[in-house]
Protein backbone atom coordinates (compact mmCIF):
# COMPACT_ATOMS: atom_id res chain seq x y z
CA UNK A 1 34.87 16.26 54.43
CA UNK A 2 36.85 14.87 57.33
CA UNK A 3 40.17 15.59 55.62
CA UNK A 4 39.21 19.19 54.90
CA UNK A 5 38.26 19.70 58.54
CA UNK A 6 41.96 19.69 59.43
CA UNK A 7 42.30 23.02 57.57
CA UNK A 8 38.85 24.60 57.53
CA UNK A 9 36.49 24.83 60.50
CA UNK A 10 33.33 26.30 58.96
CA UNK A 11 30.96 23.44 58.11
CA UNK A 12 29.41 25.25 55.13
CA UNK A 13 32.85 25.96 53.66
CA UNK A 14 33.81 22.33 54.17
CA UNK A 15 30.72 21.11 52.30
CA UNK A 16 31.35 23.48 49.40
CA UNK A 17 35.03 22.57 49.13
CA UNK A 18 34.26 18.84 49.38
CA UNK A 19 31.70 19.18 46.61
CA UNK A 20 34.26 20.87 44.36
CA UNK A 21 36.86 18.18 45.10
CA UNK A 22 34.41 15.35 44.35
CA UNK A 23 33.33 17.01 41.10
CA UNK A 24 36.97 17.53 40.07
CA UNK A 25 38.00 13.92 40.59
CA UNK A 26 34.78 12.38 39.25
CA UNK A 27 35.15 14.34 36.01
CA UNK A 28 38.97 14.41 36.04
CA UNK A 29 38.84 18.08 35.10
CA UNK A 30 40.41 20.96 36.98
CA UNK A 31 38.12 23.00 39.19
CA UNK A 32 38.82 26.47 40.50
CA UNK A 33 36.94 27.29 43.68
CA UNK A 34 36.26 31.02 43.38
CA UNK A 35 35.68 32.92 46.61
CA UNK A 36 36.33 36.20 48.34
CA UNK A 37 36.77 34.48 51.73
CA UNK A 38 40.30 35.57 52.63
CA UNK A 39 39.99 34.55 56.27
CA UNK A 40 39.06 30.88 56.02
CA UNK A 41 39.72 29.68 52.47
CA UNK A 42 42.13 31.88 50.55
CA UNK A 43 44.50 32.02 53.51
CA UNK A 44 44.77 28.20 53.12
CA UNK A 45 45.00 28.28 49.32
CA UNK A 46 48.43 26.63 49.07
CA UNK A 47 47.59 23.88 51.54
CA UNK A 48 44.27 23.13 49.82
CA UNK A 49 46.09 22.71 46.52
CA UNK A 50 48.96 20.72 47.99
CA UNK A 51 46.71 18.23 49.81
CA UNK A 52 43.57 18.10 47.66
CA UNK A 53 44.77 19.48 44.30
CA UNK A 54 41.96 22.05 44.57
CA UNK A 55 42.85 25.51 43.37
CA UNK A 56 41.09 28.27 45.28
CA UNK A 57 41.15 31.81 43.97
CA UNK A 58 39.67 35.21 44.36
CA UNK A 59 37.61 36.20 41.30
CA UNK A 60 40.23 38.50 39.77
CA UNK A 61 42.85 35.72 39.51
CA UNK A 62 40.64 32.79 38.50
CA UNK A 63 41.34 33.08 34.76
CA UNK A 64 45.09 33.14 35.38
CA UNK A 65 44.87 30.00 37.50
CA UNK A 66 42.74 28.36 34.82
CA UNK A 67 45.41 28.99 32.20
CA UNK A 68 48.06 27.51 34.50
CA UNK A 69 46.01 24.44 35.43
CA UNK A 70 45.09 23.58 31.85
CA UNK A 71 48.80 23.26 31.10
CA UNK A 72 49.04 20.46 33.66
CA UNK A 73 47.89 16.89 33.29
CA UNK A 74 44.30 16.23 34.45
CA UNK A 75 43.85 16.08 38.24
CA UNK A 76 43.99 12.30 38.67
CA UNK A 77 47.18 11.93 36.64
CA UNK A 78 48.65 15.03 38.28
CA UNK A 79 48.06 13.57 41.74
CA UNK A 80 49.37 10.13 40.78
CA UNK A 81 52.67 11.63 39.62
CA UNK A 82 53.38 13.38 42.91
CA UNK A 83 56.23 11.97 44.94
CA UNK A 84 56.86 11.72 48.66
CA UNK A 85 53.22 11.95 49.68
CA UNK A 86 52.57 13.48 53.09
CA UNK A 87 50.47 11.57 55.59
CA UNK A 88 47.57 13.93 54.89
CA UNK A 89 47.84 13.29 51.14
CA UNK A 90 47.92 9.53 51.76
CA UNK A 91 44.82 9.83 53.95
CA UNK A 92 43.08 11.86 51.24
CA UNK A 93 44.04 9.26 48.62
CA UNK A 94 42.50 6.50 50.73
CA UNK A 95 39.29 8.49 51.21
CA UNK A 96 38.98 9.12 47.45
CA UNK A 97 39.58 5.43 46.78
CA UNK A 98 36.90 4.38 49.28
CA UNK A 99 34.30 6.99 48.33
CA UNK A 100 34.81 7.43 44.58
CA UNK A 101 36.67 4.20 43.71
CA UNK A 102 39.47 6.29 42.15
CA UNK A 103 43.07 5.38 42.87
CA UNK A 104 45.19 8.51 43.30
CA UNK A 105 48.13 6.94 45.09
CA UNK A 106 49.57 3.76 43.62
């Protein structure tokens, strides 16, 4: 939740997004966080995917994102294959390792 706080300020949004991220990495299956919140979440859609590999979408585009994501490797492998991790991505990788015992960054 601490990592998400750098992008999102609403505590309820942070809890919901963190829950989706945990579920995604525990199950190693893509999650699409569907919302109509343009102000706080969808406006940060690209950053949320870049840092946390969490795809956020408005309801009308969720199926399109699902088709795109299912063409990719599962989330853990997808994240591991990234290169040139940003400091925020490295921090997120450490948090996932500590909290879920999943290594995202080798």
